[in-house]
Every structure is written in C-alpha cells, then in structure tokens.
Amino acid sequence: MNDAEKSKAYWKANLRLLTICLVIWFVVSYLFGILLVDVLNTIQFGGYKLGFWFAQQGSIYVFVALIFFYAARMNKYDREFGVEEE
C-alpha cells in the first residue's frame, strides 16, 4: 500500500470512528436526555428516574467514556497505519 492509499485508509477509519462516537453521543444526550425522557422515567436507576439520570449525569459519563474510547482507538489506528508519535 503506497502513502496516498495509506493516508486515505487512515482518514476513512478516523471518520468512521468519529461518526460512530457522534451518533452514540447524539442518541444518549438528545434522544435519551430530551425526547425519550418520559418513557425512560418509568424505569428507576439508582433511586432516580432513568430519563432524569441521563439528562443530568448519564450523558456526561457517556461523553467522557467516548473521549477515552476515541483516544484509545486512534492510538491503535496510529500504530496500524504507522503515524504514531515518537
């Protein structure tokens, strides 16, 4: 694989990962925290209604987890495509 093909494959993998992370973030923060809050409030989580929990804390926890997931996966891609930092 030449450098141009390697670069294109790297950015394709990066954009795919970024799209997945953004979709998860959207679903958790917007759908679970706003649109589906009434449905989720019928479920209790740690003594709180699940919709309330997602709106107040859950979306933040998921966002932080996504940051670590993205960083770890990008480190893997960097090693795989030979662009890791020294």
PDB file of N, CA and C in Angstrom:
ATOM      1  N   MET A   1       0.858  -1.170   0.000  1.00  0.00           N
ATOM      2  CA  MET A   1       0.000   0.000   0.000  1.00  0.00           C
ATOM      3  C   MET A   1       0.905   1.233   0.000  1.00  0.00           C
ATOM      4  N   ASN A   2       0.684   2.139  -0.959  1.00  0.00           N
ATOM      5  CA  ASN A   2       1.503   3.350  -1.018  1.00  0.00           C
ATOM      6  C   ASN A   2       1.000   4.383  -0.012  1.00  0.00           C
ATOM      7  N   ASP A   3       1.746   5.493   0.103  1.00  0.00           N
ATOM      8  CA  ASP A   3       1.423   6.502   1.117  1.00  0.00           C
ATOM      9  C   ASP A   3       0.054   7.143   0.899  1.00  0.00           C
ATOM     10  N   ALA A   4      -0.335   7.390  -0.335  1.00  0.00           N
ATOM     11  CA  ALA A   4      -1.629   8.019  -0.603  1.00  0.00           C
ATOM     12  C   ALA A   4      -2.779   7.094  -0.197  1.00  0.00           C
ATOM     13  N   GLU A   5      -2.651   5.809  -0.530  1.00  0.00           N
ATOM     14  CA  GLU A   5      -3.686   4.844  -0.146  1.00  0.00           C
ATOM     15  C   GLU A   5      -3.736   4.663   1.363  1.00  0.00           C
ATOM     16  N   LYS A   6      -2.553   4.653   1.995  1.00  0.00           N
ATOM     17  CA  LYS A   6      -2.480   4.515   3.449  1.00  0.00           C
ATOM     18  C   LYS A   6      -3.123   5.715   4.142  1.00  0.00           C
ATOM     19  N   SER A   7      -2.844   6.898   3.617  1.00  0.00           N
ATOM     20  CA  SER A   7      -3.422   8.117   4.183  1.00  0.00           C
ATOM     21  C   SER A   7      -4.936   8.131   4.023  1.00  0.00           C
ATOM     22  N   LYS A   8      -5.413   7.727   2.854  1.00  0.00           N
ATOM     23  CA  LYS A   8      -6.858   7.692   2.608  1.00  0.00           C
ATOM     24  C   LYS A   8      -7.539   6.673   3.528  1.00  0.00           C
ATOM     25  N   ALA A   9      -6.930   5.511   3.712  1.00  0.00           N
ATOM     26  CA  ALA A   9      -7.496   4.487   4.586  1.00  0.00           C
ATOM     27  C   ALA A   9      -7.494   4.955   6.044  1.00  0.00           C
ATOM     28  N   TYR A  10      -6.445   5.667   6.454  1.00  0.00           N
ATOM     29  CA  TYR A  10      -6.362   6.187   7.817  1.00  0.00           C
ATOM     30  C   TYR A  10      -7.495   7.171   8.090  1.00  0.00           C
ATOM     31  N   TRP A  11      -7.708   8.112   7.172  1.00  0.00           N
ATOM     32  CA  TRP A  11      -8.757   9.106   7.386  1.00  0.00           C
ATOM     33  C   TRP A  11     -10.144   8.508   7.255  1.00  0.00           C
ATOM     34  N   LYS A  12     -10.291   7.486   6.441  1.00  0.00           N
ATOM     35  CA  LYS A  12     -11.577   6.798   6.353  1.00  0.00           C
ATOM     36  C   LYS A  12     -11.896   6.116   7.681  1.00  0.00           C
ATOM     37  N   ALA A  13     -10.896   5.456   8.271  1.00  0.00           N
ATOM     38  CA  ALA A  13     -11.090   4.816   9.567  1.00  0.00           C
ATOM     39  C   ALA A  13     -11.377   5.863  10.645  1.00  0.00           C
ATOM     40  N   ASN A  14     -10.662   6.989  10.590  1.00  0.00           N
ATOM     41  CA  ASN A  14     -10.871   8.068  11.557  1.00  0.00           C
ATOM     42  C   ASN A  14     -12.278   8.632  11.445  1.00  0.00           C
ATOM     43  N   LEU A  15     -12.735   8.905  10.252  1.00  0.00           N
ATOM     44  CA  LEU A  15     -14.077   9.459  10.064  1.00  0.00           C
ATOM     45  C   LEU A  15     -15.171   8.467  10.456  1.00  0.00           C
ATOM     46  N   ARG A  16     -14.950   7.204  10.192  1.00  0.00           N
ATOM     47  CA  ARG A  16     -15.911   6.178  10.597  1.00  0.00           C
ATOM     48  C   ARG A  16     -16.022   6.132  12.125  1.00  0.00           C
ATOM     49  N   LEU A  17     -14.878   6.150  12.802  1.00  0.00           N
ATOM     50  CA  LEU A  17     -14.868   6.151  14.263  1.00  0.00           C
ATOM     51  C   LEU A  17     -15.522   7.412  14.817  1.00  0.00           C
ATOM     52  N   LEU A  18     -15.211   8.548  14.229  1.00  0.00           N
ATOM     53  CA  LEU A  18     -15.800   9.806  14.680  1.00  0.00           C
ATOM     54  C   LEU A  18     -17.315   9.808  14.486  1.00  0.00           C
ATOM     55  N   THR A  19     -17.776   9.284  13.381  1.00  0.00           N
ATOM     56  CA  THR A  19     -19.216   9.194  13.118  1.00  0.00           C
ATOM     57  C   THR A  19     -19.907   8.304  14.149  1.00  0.00           C
ATOM     58  N   ILE A  20     -19.303   7.175  14.458  1.00  0.00           N
ATOM     59  CA  ILE A  20     -19.879   6.273  15.457  1.00  0.00           C
ATOM     60  C   ILE A  20     -19.968   6.963  16.810  1.00  0.00           C
ATOM     61  N   CYS A  21     -18.896   7.642  17.212  1.00  0.00           N
ATOM     62  CA  CYS A  21     -18.892   8.335  18.505  1.00  0.00           C
ATOM     63  C   CYS A  21     -19.937   9.445  18.545  1.00  0.00           C
ATOM     64  N   LEU A  22     -20.070  10.197  17.475  1.00  0.00           N
ATOM     65  CA  LEU A  22     -21.045  11.275  17.443  1.00  0.00           C
ATOM     66  C   LEU A  22     -22.480  10.756  17.463  1.00  0.00           C
ATOM     67  N   VAL A  23     -22.730   9.648  16.796  1.00  0.00           N
ATOM     68  CA  VAL A  23     -24.074   9.055  16.811  1.00  0.00           C
ATOM     69  C   VAL A  23     -24.418   8.570  18.219  1.00  0.00           C
ATOM     70  N   ILE A  24     -23.468   7.914  18.880  1.00  0.00           N
ATOM     71  CA  ILE A  24     -23.710   7.468  20.253  1.00  0.00           C
ATOM     72  C   ILE A  24     -23.970   8.661  21.157  1.00  0.00           C
ATOM     73  N   TRP A  25     -23.166   9.711  21.021  1.00  0.00           N
ATOM     74  CA  TRP A  25     -23.336  10.908  21.836  1.00  0.00           C
ATOM     75  C   TRP A  25     -24.711  11.549  21.583  1.00  0.00           C
ATOM     76  N   PHE A  26     -25.124  11.627  20.321  1.00  0.00           N
ATOM     77  CA  PHE A  26     -26.422  12.188  19.981  1.00  0.00           C
ATOM     78  C   PHE A  26     -27.555  11.375  20.599  1.00  0.00           C
ATOM     79  N   VAL A  27     -27.481  10.064  20.453  1.00  0.00           N
ATOM     80  CA  VAL A  27     -28.538   9.202  20.978  1.00  0.00           C
ATOM     81  C   VAL A  27     -28.655   9.349  22.489  1.00  0.00           C
ATOM     82  N   VAL A  28     -27.530   9.332  23.174  1.00  0.00           N
ATOM     83  CA  VAL A  28     -27.557   9.400  24.635  1.00  0.00           C
ATOM     84  C   VAL A  28     -27.985  10.780  25.124  1.00  0.00           C
ATOM     85  N   SER A  29     -27.411  11.833  24.556  1.00  0.00           N
ATOM     86  CA  SER A  29     -27.697  13.169  25.084  1.00  0.00           C
ATOM     87  C   SER A  29     -29.022  13.736  24.589  1.00  0.00           C
ATOM     88  N   TYR A  30     -29.313  13.600  23.311  1.00  0.00           N
ATOM     89  CA  TYR A  30     -30.523  14.222  22.762  1.00  0.00           C
ATOM     90  C   TYR A  30     -31.744  13.312  22.877  1.00  0.00           C
ATOM     91  N   LEU A  31     -31.611  12.099  22.392  1.00  0.00           N
ATOM     92  CA  LEU A  31     -32.771  11.198  22.414  1.00  0.00           C
ATOM     93  C   LEU A  31     -33.104  10.748  23.833  1.00  0.00           C
ATOM     94  N   PHE A  32     -32.111  10.215  24.560  1.00  0.00           N
ATOM     95  CA  PHE A  32     -32.379   9.716  25.914  1.00  0.00           C
ATOM     96  C   PHE A  32     -32.615  10.858  26.894  1.00  0.00           C
ATOM     97  N   GLY A  33     -31.882  11.957  26.756  1.00  0.00           N
ATOM     98  CA  GLY A  33     -31.975  13.047  27.715  1.00  0.00           C
ATOM     99  C   GLY A  33     -33.105  14.019  27.470  1.00  0.00           C
ATOM    100  N   ILE A  34     -33.638  14.067  26.236  1.00  0.00           N
ATOM    101  CA  ILE A  34     -34.675  15.055  25.923  1.00  0.00           C
ATOM    102  C   ILE A  34     -35.939  14.398  25.357  1.00  0.00           C
ATOM    103  N   LEU A  35     -35.818  13.727  24.229  1.00  0.00           N
ATOM    104  CA  LEU A  35     -37.008  13.223  23.540  1.00  0.00           C
ATOM    105  C   LEU A  35     -37.648  12.020  24.220  1.00  0.00           C
ATOM    106  N   LEU A  36     -36.852  11.112  24.725  1.00  0.00           N
ATOM    107  CA  LEU A  36     -37.401   9.886  25.328  1.00  0.00           C
ATOM    108  C   LEU A  36     -37.416   9.941  26.851  1.00  0.00           C
ATOM    109  N   VAL A  37     -37.289  11.134  27.405  1.00  0.00           N
ATOM    110  CA  VAL A  37     -37.201  11.259  28.858  1.00  0.00           C
ATOM    111  C   VAL A  37     -38.456  10.729  29.553  1.00  0.00           C
ATOM    112  N   ASP A  38     -39.617  10.960  29.026  1.00  0.00           N
ATOM    113  CA  ASP A  38     -40.853  10.486  29.665  1.00  0.00           C
ATOM    114  C   ASP A  38     -40.935   8.969  29.678  1.00  0.00           C
ATOM    115  N   VAL A  39     -40.525   8.346  28.586  1.00  0.00           N
ATOM    116  CA  VAL A  39     -40.535   6.877  28.518  1.00  0.00           C
ATOM    117  C   VAL A  39     -39.508   6.308  29.491  1.00  0.00           C
ATOM    118  N   LEU A  40     -38.309   6.897  29.520  1.00  0.00           N
ATOM    119  CA  LEU A  40     -37.251   6.401  30.389  1.00  0.00           C
ATOM    120  C   LEU A  40     -37.533   6.674  31.870  1.00  0.00           C
ATOM    121  N   ASN A  41     -38.341   7.666  32.163  1.00  0.00           N
ATOM    122  CA  ASN A  41     -38.655   7.976  33.560  1.00  0.00           C
ATOM    123  C   ASN A  41     -39.494   6.897  34.225  1.00  0.00           C
ATOM    124  N   THR A  42     -40.032   5.972  33.446  1.00  0.00           N
ATOM    125  CA  THR A  42     -40.772   4.855  34.035  1.00  0.00           C
ATOM    126  C   THR A  42     -39.827   3.816  34.634  1.00  0.00           C
ATOM    127  N   ILE A  43     -38.532   3.930  34.360  1.00  0.00           N
ATOM    128  CA  ILE A  43     -37.515   2.994  34.851  1.00  0.00           C
ATOM    129  C   ILE A  43     -36.695   3.698  35.932  1.00  0.00           C
ATOM    130  N   GLN A  44     -36.460   3.013  37.027  1.00  0.00           N
ATOM    131  CA  GLN A  44     -35.649   3.556  38.122  1.00  0.00           C
ATOM    132  C   GLN A  44     -34.201   3.080  37.974  1.00  0.00           C
ATOM    133  N   PHE A  45     -33.246   3.984  38.220  1.00  0.00           N
ATOM    134  CA  PHE A  45     -31.812   3.651  38.175  1.00  0.00           C
ATOM    135  C   PHE A  45     -31.138   4.325  39.364  1.00  0.00           C
ATOM    136  N   GLY A  46     -30.693   3.541  40.306  1.00  0.00           N
ATOM    137  CA  GLY A  46     -30.041   4.102  41.488  1.00  0.00           C
ATOM    138  C   GLY A  46     -30.952   4.999  42.309  1.00  0.00           C
ATOM    139  N   GLY A  47     -32.248   4.723  42.299  1.00  0.00           N
ATOM    140  CA  GLY A  47     -33.193   5.527  43.047  1.00  0.00           C
ATOM    141  C   GLY A  47     -33.706   6.740  42.296  1.00  0.00           C
ATOM    142  N   TYR A  48     -33.230   6.948  41.089  1.00  0.00           N
ATOM    143  CA  TYR A  48     -33.665   8.088  40.276  1.00  0.00           C
ATOM    144  C   TYR A  48     -34.342   7.589  39.012  1.00  0.00           C
ATOM    145  N   LYS A  49     -35.172   8.419  38.445  1.00  0.00           N
ATOM    146  CA  LYS A  49     -35.791   8.085  37.166  1.00  0.00           C
ATOM    147  C   LYS A  49     -34.704   8.094  36.093  1.00  0.00           C
ATOM    148  N   LEU A  50     -34.731   7.105  35.214  1.00  0.00           N
ATOM    149  CA  LEU A  50     -33.668   6.931  34.232  1.00  0.00           C
ATOM    150  C   LEU A  50     -33.567   8.118  33.275  1.00  0.00           C
ATOM    151  N   GLY A  51     -34.680   8.684  32.858  1.00  0.00           N
ATOM    152  CA  GLY A  51     -34.643   9.855  31.983  1.00  0.00           C
ATOM    153  C   GLY A  51     -33.970  11.037  32.640  1.00  0.00           C
ATOM    154  N   PHE A  52     -34.286  11.259  33.910  1.00  0.00           N
ATOM    155  CA  PHE A  52     -33.631  12.320  34.674  1.00  0.00           C
ATOM    156  C   PHE A  52     -32.143  12.058  34.794  1.00  0.00           C
ATOM    157  N   TRP A  53     -31.779  10.802  35.070  1.00  0.00           N
ATOM    158  CA  TRP A  53     -30.373  10.446  35.220  1.00  0.00           C
ATOM    159  C   TRP A  53     -29.596  10.710  33.937  1.00  0.00           C
ATOM    160  N   PHE A  54     -30.153  10.312  32.783  1.00  0.00           N
ATOM    161  CA  PHE A  54     -29.477  10.567  31.512  1.00  0.00           C
ATOM    162  C   PHE A  54     -29.328  12.056  31.267  1.00  0.00           C
ATOM    163  N   ALA A  55     -30.340  12.827  31.565  1.00  0.00           N
ATOM    164  CA  ALA A  55     -30.302  14.264  31.322  1.00  0.00           C
ATOM    165  C   ALA A  55     -29.286  14.952  32.226  1.00  0.00           C
ATOM    166  N   GLN A  56     -29.127  14.481  33.459  1.00  0.00           N
ATOM    167  CA  GLN A  56     -28.270  15.163  34.415  1.00  0.00           C
ATOM    168  C   GLN A  56     -26.855  14.596  34.480  1.00  0.00           C
ATOM    169  N   GLN A  57     -26.704  13.284  34.411  1.00  0.00           N
ATOM    170  CA  GLN A  57     -25.394  12.686  34.617  1.00  0.00           C
ATOM    171  C   GLN A  57     -24.987  11.708  33.532  1.00  0.00           C
ATOM    172  N   GLY A  58     -25.915  10.931  33.064  1.00  0.00           N
ATOM    173  CA  GLY A  58     -25.593   9.843  32.142  1.00  0.00           C
ATOM    174  C   GLY A  58     -24.933  10.299  30.868  1.00  0.00           C
ATOM    175  N   SER A  59     -25.431  11.379  30.294  1.00  0.00           N
ATOM    176  CA  SER A  59     -24.838  11.852  29.040  1.00  0.00           C
ATOM    177  C   SER A  59     -23.413  12.343  29.256  1.00  0.00           C
ATOM    178  N   ILE A  60     -23.128  12.900  30.419  1.00  0.00           N
ATOM    179  CA  ILE A  60     -21.763  13.346  30.721  1.00  0.00           C
ATOM    180  C   ILE A  60     -20.839  12.141  30.872  1.00  0.00           C
ATOM    181  N   TYR A  61     -21.296  11.110  31.589  1.00  0.00           N
ATOM    182  CA  TYR A  61     -20.484   9.902  31.743  1.00  0.00           C
ATOM    183  C   TYR A  61     -20.199   9.250  30.396  1.00  0.00           C
ATOM    184  N   VAL A  62     -21.208   9.177  29.561  1.00  0.00           N
ATOM    185  CA  VAL A  62     -21.021   8.576  28.238  1.00  0.00           C
ATOM    186  C   VAL A  62     -20.055   9.418  27.413  1.00  0.00           C
ATOM    187  N   PHE A  63     -20.168  10.741  27.490  1.00  0.00           N
ATOM    188  CA  PHE A  63     -19.269  11.620  26.748  1.00  0.00           C
ATOM    189  C   PHE A  63     -17.815  11.411  27.187  1.00  0.00           C
ATOM    190  N   VAL A  64     -17.562  11.335  28.474  1.00  0.00           N
ATOM    191  CA  VAL A  64     -16.200  11.109  28.970  1.00  0.00           C
ATOM    192  C   VAL A  64     -15.700   9.733  28.534  1.00  0.00           C
ATOM    193  N   ALA A  65     -16.554   8.723  28.601  1.00  0.00           N
ATOM    194  CA  ALA A  65     -16.167   7.381  28.144  1.00  0.00           C
ATOM    195  C   ALA A  65     -15.847   7.390  26.654  1.00  0.00           C
ATOM    196  N   LEU A  66     -16.615   8.146  25.871  1.00  0.00           N
ATOM    197  CA  LEU A  66     -16.347   8.243  24.436  1.00  0.00           C
ATOM    198  C   LEU A  66     -15.003   8.909  24.159  1.00  0.00           C
ATOM    199  N   ILE A  67     -14.613   9.881  24.969  1.00  0.00           N
ATOM    200  CA  ILE A  67     -13.311  10.525  24.801  1.00  0.00           C
ATOM    201  C   ILE A  67     -12.191   9.501  24.971  1.00  0.00           C
ATOM    202  N   PHE A  68     -12.267   8.709  26.041  1.00  0.00           N
ATOM    203  CA  PHE A  68     -11.238   7.691  26.278  1.00  0.00           C
ATOM    204  C   PHE A  68     -11.264   6.610  25.204  1.00  0.00           C
ATOM    205  N   PHE A  69     -12.459   6.201  24.786  1.00  0.00           N
ATOM    206  CA  PHE A  69     -12.584   5.207  23.719  1.00  0.00           C
ATOM    207  C   PHE A  69     -11.974   5.724  22.419  1.00  0.00           C
ATOM    208  N   TYR A  70     -12.283   6.972  22.065  1.00  0.00           N
ATOM    209  CA  TYR A  70     -11.746   7.564  20.835  1.00  0.00           C
ATOM    210  C   TYR A  70     -10.220   7.651  20.895  1.00  0.00           C
ATOM    211  N   ALA A  71      -9.687   8.093  22.015  1.00  0.00           N
ATOM    212  CA  ALA A  71      -8.236   8.219  22.146  1.00  0.00           C
ATOM    213  C   ALA A  71      -7.550   6.860  22.030  1.00  0.00           C
ATOM    214  N   ALA A  72      -8.098   5.850  22.689  1.00  0.00           N
ATOM    215  CA  ALA A  72      -7.507   4.514  22.626  1.00  0.00           C
ATOM    216  C   ALA A  72      -7.571   3.948  21.216  1.00  0.00           C
ATOM    217  N   ARG A  73      -8.718   4.110  20.572  1.00  0.00           N
ATOM    218  CA  ARG A  73      -8.864   3.575  19.217  1.00  0.00           C
ATOM    219  C   ARG A  73      -7.970   4.319  18.220  1.00  0.00           C
ATOM    220  N   MET A  74      -7.834   5.629  18.390  1.00  0.00           N
ATOM    221  CA  MET A  74      -6.964   6.392  17.490  1.00  0.00           C
ATOM    222  C   MET A  74      -5.505   6.018  17.702  1.00  0.00           C
ATOM    223  N   ASN A  75      -5.102   5.714  18.930  1.00  0.00           N
ATOM    224  CA  ASN A  75      -3.738   5.228  19.163  1.00  0.00           C
ATOM    225  C   ASN A  75      -3.508   3.915  18.427  1.00  0.00           C
ATOM    226  N   LYS A  76      -4.524   3.054  18.423  1.00  0.00           N
ATOM    227  CA  LYS A  76      -4.427   1.784  17.691  1.00  0.00           C
ATOM    228  C   LYS A  76      -4.300   2.057  16.192  1.00  0.00           C
ATOM    229  N   TYR A  77      -5.127   2.963  15.670  1.00  0.00           N
ATOM    230  CA  TYR A  77      -5.050   3.302  14.245  1.00  0.00           C
ATOM    231  C   TYR A  77      -3.704   3.937  13.899  1.00  0.00           C
ATOM    232  N   ASP A  78      -3.190   4.775  14.786  1.00  0.00           N
ATOM    233  CA  ASP A  78      -1.896   5.404  14.536  1.00  0.00           C
ATOM    234  C   ASP A  78      -0.795   4.351  14.400  1.00  0.00           C
ATOM    235  N   ARG A  79      -0.799   3.370  15.289  1.00  0.00           N
ATOM    236  CA  ARG A  79       0.200   2.288  15.201  1.00  0.00           C
ATOM    237  C   ARG A  79      -0.031   1.444  13.954  1.00  0.00           C
ATOM    238  N   GLU A  80      -1.283   1.162  13.653  1.00  0.00           N
ATOM    239  CA  GLU A  80      -1.616   0.318  12.495  1.00  0.00           C
ATOM    240  C   GLU A  80      -1.190   0.964  11.179  1.00  0.00           C
ATOM    241  N   PHE A  81      -1.349   2.290  11.081  1.00  0.00           N
ATOM    242  CA  PHE A  81      -1.014   2.982   9.845  1.00  0.00           C
ATOM    243  C   PHE A  81       0.360   3.639   9.875  1.00  0.00           C
ATOM    244  N   GLY A  82       1.100   3.447  10.955  1.00  0.00           N
ATOM    245  CA  GLY A  82       2.468   3.950  11.029  1.00  0.00           C
ATOM    246  C   GLY A  82       2.591   5.437  11.177  1.00  0.00           C
ATOM    247  N   VAL A  83       1.652   6.084  11.853  1.00  0.00           N
ATOM    248  CA  VAL A  83       1.713   7.541  12.045  1.00  0.00           C
ATOM    249  C   VAL A  83       1.752   7.912  13.530  1.00  0.00           C
ATOM    250  N   GLU A  84       2.156   6.946  14.383  1.00  0.00           N
ATOM    251  CA  GLU A  84       2.178   7.230  15.805  1.00  0.00           C
ATOM    252  C   GLU A  84       3.269   8.250  16.134  1.00  0.00           C
ATOM    253  N   GLU A  85       3.067   8.941  17.256  1.00  0.00           N
ATOM    254  CA  GLU A  85       4.033   9.924  17.696  1.00  0.00           C
ATOM    255  C   GLU A  85       5.167   9.232  18.422  1.00  0.00           C
ATOM    256  N   GLU A  86       6.332   9.797  18.339  1.00  0.00           N
ATOM    257  CA  GLU A  86       7.516   9.235  19.000  1.00  0.00           C
ATOM    258  C   GLU A  86       7.583   9.664  20.425  1.00  0.00           C
TER     259      GLU A  86
END
